[in-house]
Amino acid sequence: MSDEIIKKENTAVTSQNEESLSVRFVNKIVKNCQDMFGDLLEIPDTQKRLAQNYYIAIDRQLEALEQKRQQDNQNKDEKYQNKLPYTWKNILFNDLMQDVLHYSKIGLDPLSRNHISFIPFKVRGGTVYRLNPIVGYVGQQLKAIKYALEAPSSTTVEVVYSTDTFKVVKASAEVPYDRYEFSINNPFDRGEVIGAFAYHRYNNDTLKNKLLFLSLDEVRKRTKNKNIEFWGGEKTVKKWVDGKAVETKEEVEGWKEQMVYKAMVREAFSEKWILIDPSKIDQAYFYTKARDIEMAKIEATAEISDNNASGETINIDIPAIQTDTTSVAATQGDVEVVTEQKPKRGRPSKSKTVDAEVIQTEEVVDTEHTSNANFLDLMENYN
């Protein structure tokens, strides 16, 4: 049997294992919801399929982070090494289930670019990871449209360079609605990025058309991440020469255009410009809003963004917010869950201990996913 055939068979087995484990992951979420809300809360099949993508994306991320952790530890003194492996058993599973339930209801897909990703934070004294969601600029746009009082028919977003022509025509007594003139005079050498604009069009009522624009300085003020790797510029690099650390200056090109574009999209689809329809607000909206506030507090201590959401661990010990359900009210076509959030501090309660079932495969043993299956067995028997 050729190596290529073996590789294809191993890939097929891994894919099947990944799919079956993602189904079990979703079933655990469904069971958890039924335990909390009974039959009042039904999860559509489309949301269940989307929730499977969360398991697949997070499982792949944990694998990549674990490889990086092991590599980094080899180059660090023992006292600076990260001793906590990136495995499912070291994740706050119940918190993650709540995230998956609510963000999948909104329609965010972690396997789609710039929808949503997760970054691990060490909590409870560094004994466990909490995966915190980072909503990308596309995810923010989708959420804004879902809950909008009136979503724009279309939106144009452009980055403006120094050689471009951009003229603003704001609504006035003579002009019924916002307009603009934009032309790219030198497409192959547009000069420096100087700003960006967004234009919301409303086909049913052009008087509502809205032009928004930001200068480069205004974009920087709205962007939390000031990292040179993304914005470009000169950075100091340490290199080893003849056994000694030598500092040198290095020019980084960065991704300024992409950073400006993302910032403009976020501004355009913020609640400042896209009003929320109160009749569309549901539990998923309230939950994700609370998570946004929680993440904002974390960002005050550690800078994070879409661009490093797949990267490093943030070592910060912030107690997780636990949600106590105080009432459940059924509404036509949906369920509104009214919750009261109470930060619970102090020592965590003692965990119950159960035996994990050993899962075996006949031909190819996927040790990584077997371990994950054992963890899911633990969670299914826990409570």
Protein backbone atom coordinates (compact mmCIF):
# COMPACT_ATOMS: atom_id res chain seq x y z
CA MET A 1 0.00 0.00 0.00
CA SER A 2 1.50 3.33 -1.04
CA ASP A 3 2.18 6.18 1.38
CA GLU A 4 -0.34 8.35 -0.50
CA ILE A 5 -3.14 5.80 0.01
CA ILE A 6 -2.28 5.45 3.71
CA LYS A 7 -2.28 9.22 4.08
CA LYS A 8 -5.71 9.46 2.45
CA GLU A 9 -7.10 6.71 4.70
CA ASN A 10 -5.70 8.37 7.83
CA THR A 11 -7.16 11.70 6.74
CA ALA A 12 -10.55 10.07 6.12
CA VAL A 13 -10.53 8.40 9.57
CA THR A 14 -9.53 11.65 11.27
CA SER A 15 -12.29 13.50 9.41
CA GLN A 16 -14.87 10.89 10.48
CA ASN A 17 -13.68 11.05 14.09
CA GLU A 18 -13.80 14.85 14.00
CA GLU A 19 -17.35 14.80 12.65
CA SER A 20 -18.62 12.23 15.18
CA LEU A 21 -17.02 14.12 18.08
CA SER A 22 -18.49 17.41 16.89
CA VAL A 23 -21.94 15.77 16.88
CA ARG A 24 -21.41 14.58 20.46
CA PHE A 25 -20.23 18.08 21.37
CA VAL A 26 -23.49 19.56 20.04
CA ASN A 27 -25.58 16.86 21.72
CA LYS A 28 -24.01 17.82 25.04
CA ILE A 29 -24.99 21.45 24.43
CA VAL A 30 -28.56 20.42 23.60
CA LYS A 31 -28.78 18.27 26.74
CA ASN A 32 -27.42 21.11 28.85
CA CYS A 33 -30.08 23.48 27.44
CA GLN A 34 -32.85 20.97 28.07
CA ASP A 35 -31.70 20.59 31.66
CA MET A 36 -31.80 24.38 32.11
CA PHE A 37 -34.90 25.33 30.11
CA GLY A 38 -36.81 22.10 29.54
CA ASP A 39 -38.74 21.88 26.28
CA LEU A 40 -39.17 25.66 26.02
CA LEU A 41 -35.92 26.09 24.13
CA GLU A 42 -35.59 24.32 20.80
CA ILE A 43 -32.36 24.45 18.81
CA PRO A 44 -32.95 24.35 15.03
CA ASP A 45 -31.03 21.80 12.96
CA THR A 46 -29.28 24.63 11.10
CA GLN A 47 -27.92 25.96 14.39
CA LYS A 48 -26.83 22.48 15.45
CA ARG A 49 -24.85 22.05 12.23
CA LEU A 50 -23.26 25.44 12.76
CA ALA A 51 -22.41 24.56 16.37
CA GLN A 52 -20.42 21.55 15.11
CA ASN A 53 -18.05 23.99 13.41
CA TYR A 54 -17.21 25.43 16.83
CA TYR A 55 -15.89 22.08 17.99
CA ILE A 56 -13.88 21.58 14.80
CA ALA A 57 -12.38 25.09 14.87
CA ILE A 58 -11.53 25.03 18.59
CA ASP A 59 -10.13 21.50 18.42
CA ARG A 60 -7.77 22.54 15.62
CA GLN A 61 -6.81 25.69 17.50
CA LEU A 62 -6.02 23.76 20.68
CA GLU A 63 -3.82 21.37 18.69
CA ALA A 64 -1.88 24.27 17.13
CA LEU A 65 -1.52 26.08 20.47
CA GLU A 66 -0.30 22.91 22.20
CA GLN A 67 2.37 22.38 19.56
CA LYS A 68 3.49 25.98 19.99
CA ARG A 69 3.45 25.68 23.79
CA GLN A 70 5.75 22.67 23.67
CA GLN A 71 8.11 24.38 21.22
CA ASP A 72 8.22 27.58 23.27
CA ASN A 73 8.89 25.67 26.49
CA GLN A 74 12.01 24.16 24.94
CA ASN A 75 13.47 27.66 24.57
CA LYS A 76 12.52 29.00 28.01
CA ASP A 77 13.78 28.56 31.53
CA GLU A 78 11.56 26.22 33.52
CA LYS A 79 10.19 29.00 35.70
CA TYR A 80 8.88 30.82 32.61
CA GLN A 81 7.38 27.77 30.91
CA ASN A 82 3.65 27.32 30.44
CA LYS A 83 2.90 24.08 32.29
CA LEU A 84 -0.82 23.96 31.45
CA PRO A 85 -1.45 21.92 28.27
CA TYR A 86 -3.96 23.13 25.70
CA THR A 87 -6.37 20.21 25.93
CA TRP A 88 -10.12 19.91 26.26
CA LYS A 89 -9.88 18.75 29.87
CA ASN A 90 -8.24 22.09 30.75
CA ILE A 91 -11.07 24.18 29.25
CA LEU A 92 -14.01 25.64 31.19
CA PHE A 93 -16.48 23.53 29.24
CA ASN A 94 -19.77 24.89 30.60
CA ASP A 95 -18.76 28.47 29.83
CA LEU A 96 -17.79 27.43 26.31
CA MET A 97 -21.14 25.69 25.80
CA GLN A 98 -22.94 28.92 26.65
CA ASP A 99 -20.79 30.81 24.15
CA VAL A 100 -21.43 28.27 21.40
CA LEU A 101 -25.18 28.25 22.06
CA HIS A 102 -25.58 32.01 21.79
CA TYR A 103 -23.06 32.94 19.11
CA SER A 104 -24.26 30.13 16.82
CA LYS A 105 -27.83 31.39 17.27
CA ILE A 106 -26.71 34.74 15.85
CA GLY A 107 -25.20 32.89 12.90
CA LEU A 108 -21.48 33.35 13.48
CA ASP A 109 -19.30 30.57 12.07
CA PRO A 110 -15.75 30.08 13.43
CA LEU A 111 -14.76 28.29 10.21
CA SER A 112 -15.68 31.36 8.16
CA ARG A 113 -13.10 34.10 7.87
CA ASN A 114 -13.43 37.02 10.32
CA HIS A 115 -16.68 35.77 11.90
CA ILE A 116 -15.52 34.70 15.35
CA SER A 117 -12.47 33.16 16.97
CA PHE A 118 -11.43 32.28 20.50
CA ILE A 119 -8.44 33.22 22.62
CA PRO A 120 -7.51 31.30 25.78
CA PHE A 121 -7.17 33.08 29.12
CA LYS A 122 -5.79 31.45 32.22
CA VAL A 123 -8.24 31.77 35.10
CA ARG A 124 -8.69 30.32 38.59
CA GLY A 125 -5.08 30.93 39.47
CA GLY A 126 -3.76 29.62 36.18
CA THR A 127 -5.23 26.14 36.64
CA VAL A 128 -7.63 26.20 33.69
CA TYR A 129 -8.28 28.07 30.44
CA ARG A 130 -11.35 30.04 29.57
CA LEU A 131 -11.89 30.47 25.84
CA ASN A 132 -13.08 33.99 25.23
CA PRO A 133 -14.81 34.87 21.94
CA ILE A 134 -13.40 37.57 19.68
CA VAL A 135 -16.01 38.69 17.16
CA GLY A 136 -14.42 39.67 13.85
CA TYR A 137 -15.46 42.61 11.73
CA VAL A 138 -17.57 40.38 9.46
CA GLY A 139 -19.23 38.87 12.54
CA GLN A 140 -20.05 42.34 13.84
CA GLN A 141 -21.59 43.22 10.49
CA LEU A 142 -23.76 40.08 10.48
CA LYS A 143 -24.91 40.71 14.05
CA ALA A 144 -25.78 44.33 13.28
CA ILE A 145 -27.87 43.32 10.26
CA LYS A 146 -29.66 40.56 12.20
CA TYR A 147 -30.87 42.93 14.92
CA ALA A 148 -31.20 46.10 12.82
CA LEU A 149 -34.31 48.24 12.94
CA GLU A 150 -33.68 48.80 9.23
CA ALA A 151 -30.60 47.28 7.66
CA PRO A 152 -29.04 49.08 4.68
CA SER A 153 -29.69 47.53 1.27
CA SER A 154 -25.95 47.59 0.57
CA THR A 155 -22.79 49.13 2.01
CA THR A 156 -19.66 50.28 0.20
CA VAL A 157 -16.39 50.46 2.17
CA GLU A 158 -13.21 51.88 0.63
CA VAL A 159 -9.73 52.75 1.87
CA VAL A 160 -8.57 56.16 0.61
CA TYR A 161 -4.96 56.80 -0.49
CA SER A 162 -3.09 60.07 -0.94
CA THR A 163 -3.38 60.01 -4.76
CA ASP A 164 -7.11 59.21 -4.78
CA THR A 165 -9.86 61.78 -5.25
CA PHE A 166 -12.50 61.69 -2.53
CA LYS A 167 -15.13 64.42 -2.29
CA VAL A 168 -17.82 64.49 0.37
CA VAL A 169 -21.29 65.79 -0.53
CA LYS A 170 -23.32 65.93 2.67
CA ALA A 171 -27.11 66.28 2.77
CA SER A 172 -28.25 69.90 2.79
CA ALA A 173 -31.08 72.13 1.62
CA GLU A 174 -29.90 71.64 -1.96
CA VAL A 175 -28.82 67.97 -1.66
CA PRO A 176 -31.53 65.58 -0.39
CA TYR A 177 -29.16 62.87 0.91
CA ASP A 178 -25.46 62.13 1.44
CA ARG A 179 -23.38 61.53 -1.67
CA TYR A 180 -19.71 61.24 -2.54
CA GLU A 181 -17.29 61.29 -5.43
CA PHE A 182 -14.45 58.81 -5.43
CA SER A 183 -11.88 57.93 -8.07
CA ILE A 184 -8.61 56.00 -8.04
CA ASN A 185 -6.22 58.07 -10.12
CA ASN A 186 -3.18 55.78 -9.95
CA PRO A 187 -4.25 52.19 -9.22
CA PHE A 188 -0.70 50.77 -9.22
CA ASP A 189 0.89 53.41 -6.99
CA ARG A 190 -1.80 54.94 -4.82
CA GLY A 191 0.55 56.47 -2.26
CA GLU A 192 -0.02 56.42 1.51
CA VAL A 193 -3.21 55.39 3.30
CA ILE A 194 -4.91 58.54 4.62
CA GLY A 195 -8.36 57.29 5.67
CA ALA A 196 -11.47 55.35 4.71
CA PHE A 197 -15.18 55.81 4.11
CA ALA A 198 -18.40 53.76 4.20
CA TYR A 199 -21.66 54.46 2.40
CA HIS A 200 -24.96 52.88 3.49
CA ARG A 201 -27.57 52.72 0.72
CA TYR A 202 -31.31 52.31 1.40
CA ASN A 203 -33.04 51.45 -1.85
CA ASN A 204 -36.55 51.97 -0.45
CA ASP A 205 -35.74 55.39 0.98
CA THR A 206 -32.66 57.10 -0.48
CA LEU A 207 -33.09 60.00 1.95
CA LYS A 208 -31.65 57.65 4.58
CA ASN A 209 -28.42 57.05 2.63
CA LYS A 210 -25.52 57.78 4.95
CA LEU A 211 -21.87 58.61 4.27
CA LEU A 212 -19.31 57.96 7.02
CA PHE A 213 -15.60 58.69 6.81
CA LEU A 214 -12.56 58.52 9.08
CA SER A 215 -9.07 59.94 8.80
CA LEU A 216 -6.09 57.72 9.58
CA ASP A 217 -5.70 59.40 12.98
CA GLU A 218 -9.37 58.75 13.79
CA VAL A 219 -8.96 55.11 12.79
CA ARG A 220 -5.96 54.71 15.11
CA LYS A 221 -7.96 56.15 18.00
CA ARG A 222 -10.66 53.53 17.44
CA THR A 223 -8.22 50.63 17.14
CA LYS A 224 -7.12 48.91 20.33
CA ASN A 225 -4.15 47.11 18.78
CA LYS A 226 -1.18 49.43 18.15
CA ASN A 227 1.20 46.58 17.28
CA ILE A 228 3.85 47.51 14.72
CA GLU A 229 3.45 44.05 13.16
CA PHE A 230 0.03 45.14 11.94
CA TRP A 231 0.46 48.88 11.38
CA GLY A 232 4.01 48.78 10.07
CA GLY A 233 7.01 50.83 11.15
CA GLU A 234 10.36 50.32 12.81
CA LYS A 235 10.80 47.79 15.58
CA THR A 236 13.68 46.64 17.75
CA VAL A 237 14.81 43.05 17.20
CA LYS A 238 17.20 41.07 19.38
CA LYS A 239 19.59 38.79 17.52
CA TRP A 240 22.29 36.50 18.86
CA VAL A 241 25.74 37.29 17.47
CA ASP A 242 28.75 35.34 18.77
CA GLY A 243 26.77 34.27 21.81
CA LYS A 244 25.65 37.82 22.68
CA ALA A 245 22.26 39.49 22.30
CA VAL A 246 22.49 42.42 19.89
CA GLU A 247 19.61 44.85 19.30
CA THR A 248 18.97 45.93 15.72
CA LYS A 249 16.30 48.02 14.00
CA GLU A 250 14.04 46.35 11.47
CA GLU A 251 11.42 47.90 9.17
CA VAL A 252 8.06 46.12 9.18
CA GLU A 253 5.67 46.65 6.29
CA GLY A 254 2.57 45.70 8.28
CA TRP A 255 -1.03 45.47 7.12
CA LYS A 256 -2.18 49.07 7.39
CA GLU A 257 -4.75 48.88 4.58
CA GLN A 258 -6.46 45.86 6.15
CA MET A 259 -6.42 47.45 9.61
CA VAL A 260 -8.03 50.63 8.30
CA TYR A 261 -10.63 48.68 6.31
CA LYS A 262 -11.63 46.60 9.34
CA ALA A 263 -11.87 49.68 11.55
CA MET A 264 -14.13 51.39 9.02
CA VAL A 265 -16.44 48.36 8.79
CA ARG A 266 -16.68 48.18 12.58
CA GLU A 267 -17.54 51.87 12.77
CA ALA A 268 -20.13 51.63 9.99
CA PHE A 269 -21.92 48.68 11.62
CA SER A 270 -21.76 49.93 15.20
CA GLU A 271 -25.00 50.65 17.04
CA LYS A 272 -24.25 54.34 16.58
CA TRP A 273 -25.24 54.05 12.91
CA ILE A 274 -27.28 50.81 12.73
CA LEU A 275 -30.13 51.16 15.21
CA ILE A 276 -31.32 48.05 17.06
CA ASP A 277 -34.92 46.88 16.70
CA PRO A 278 -36.20 46.24 20.26
CA SER A 279 -38.62 43.59 18.97
CA LYS A 280 -35.70 41.51 17.66
CA ILE A 281 -33.71 41.48 20.89
CA ASP A 282 -33.40 37.97 22.30
CA GLN A 283 -31.32 36.11 24.88
CA ALA A 284 -28.45 35.70 22.42
CA TYR A 285 -28.24 39.48 22.03
CA PHE A 286 -28.18 40.07 25.80
CA TYR A 287 -25.64 37.31 26.37
CA THR A 288 -23.21 38.46 23.67
CA LYS A 289 -23.59 42.05 24.85
CA ALA A 290 -22.56 40.98 28.36
CA ARG A 291 -19.59 39.10 26.92
CA ASP A 292 -18.57 42.22 24.99
CA ILE A 293 -18.54 44.18 28.24
CA GLU A 294 -16.54 41.44 29.95
CA MET A 295 -13.98 41.40 27.12
CA ALA A 296 -13.71 45.19 27.23
CA LYS A 297 -12.60 44.92 30.86
CA ILE A 298 -9.98 42.36 29.87
CA GLU A 299 -8.79 44.55 26.99
CA ALA A 300 -8.10 47.31 29.49
CA THR A 301 -5.37 45.06 30.87
CA ALA A 302 -4.20 43.18 27.80
CA GLU A 303 -4.47 44.34 24.19
CA ILE A 304 -6.13 41.84 21.88
CA SER A 305 -7.72 42.03 18.41
CA ASP A 306 -8.91 39.95 15.47
CA ASN A 307 -5.32 39.67 14.28
CA ASN A 308 -3.92 37.90 17.34
CA ALA A 309 -7.01 35.98 18.33
CA SER A 310 -5.47 32.76 17.07
CA GLY A 311 -2.15 33.33 18.80
CA GLU A 312 -0.90 33.69 22.35
CA THR A 313 -2.35 33.01 25.75
CA ILE A 314 -3.21 36.04 27.84
CA ASN A 315 -2.20 35.33 31.45
CA ILE A 316 -4.82 37.23 33.39
CA ASP A 317 -6.93 35.98 36.26
CA ILE A 318 -10.41 37.44 35.97
CA PRO A 319 -13.31 35.55 37.61
CA ALA A 320 -15.73 34.20 35.03
CA ILE A 321 -19.26 35.57 35.10
CA GLN A 322 -21.74 32.80 35.79
CA THR A 323 -25.34 33.19 34.71
CA ASP A 324 -28.25 32.31 36.97
CA THR A 325 -31.56 31.86 35.17
CA THR A 326 -34.29 33.67 37.06
CA SER A 327 -37.20 33.31 34.64
CA VAL A 328 -38.08 31.95 31.26
CA ALA A 329 -40.84 33.50 29.18
CA ALA A 330 -42.10 31.90 25.97
CA THR A 331 -42.93 34.16 23.03
CA GLN A 332 -44.43 33.36 19.66
CA GLY A 333 -41.83 31.82 17.33
CA ASP A 334 -38.97 32.20 19.82
CA VAL A 335 -38.07 31.98 23.48
CA GLU A 336 -37.04 34.97 25.51
CA VAL A 337 -34.85 34.03 28.47
CA VAL A 338 -34.52 36.69 31.15
CA THR A 339 -31.34 36.25 33.15
CA GLU A 340 -29.61 37.90 36.02
CA GLN A 341 -25.81 37.88 35.90
CA LYS A 342 -23.99 37.58 39.19
CA PRO A 343 -20.20 37.43 39.33
CA LYS A 344 -19.36 34.56 41.65
CA ARG A 345 -16.03 34.71 43.40
CA GLY A 346 -14.20 32.46 45.79
CA ARG A 347 -13.06 28.88 45.61
CA PRO A 348 -14.57 26.67 42.92
CA SER A 349 -16.71 23.79 44.10
CA LYS A 350 -15.19 20.33 44.15
CA SER A 351 -15.60 18.38 40.94
CA LYS A 352 -17.22 14.98 40.77
CA THR A 353 -14.98 12.13 39.68
CA VAL A 354 -16.13 9.56 37.14
CA ASP A 355 -14.35 6.95 35.07
CA ALA A 356 -13.80 7.76 31.42
CA GLU A 357 -14.72 5.12 28.86
CA VAL A 358 -11.84 3.97 26.67
CA ILE A 359 -12.65 4.25 22.96
CA GLN A 360 -10.79 2.00 20.54
CA THR A 361 -10.58 1.92 16.76
CA GLU A 362 -9.84 -1.16 14.70
CA GLU A 363 -7.23 0.03 12.19
CA VAL A 364 -6.00 3.56 12.78
CA VAL A 365 -5.90 4.90 16.33
CA ASP A 366 -6.24 8.66 16.47
CA THR A 367 -4.87 9.30 19.96
CA GLU A 368 -5.70 13.00 19.94
CA HIS A 369 -9.38 12.52 19.13
CA THR A 370 -9.64 9.45 21.36
CA SER A 371 -8.55 11.68 24.23
CA ASN A 372 -11.19 14.24 23.25
CA ALA A 373 -13.82 11.48 23.10
CA ASN A 374 -12.89 10.43 26.64
CA PHE A 375 -13.31 14.02 27.74
CA LEU A 376 -16.77 14.19 26.17
CA ASP A 377 -17.63 10.96 28.02
CA LEU A 378 -16.62 12.69 31.23
CA MET A 379 -18.80 15.70 30.47
CA GLU A 380 -21.78 13.54 29.51
CA ASN A 381 -21.61 11.77 32.89
CA TYR A 382 -20.91 14.92 34.86
CA ASN A 383 -23.71 16.66 36.79
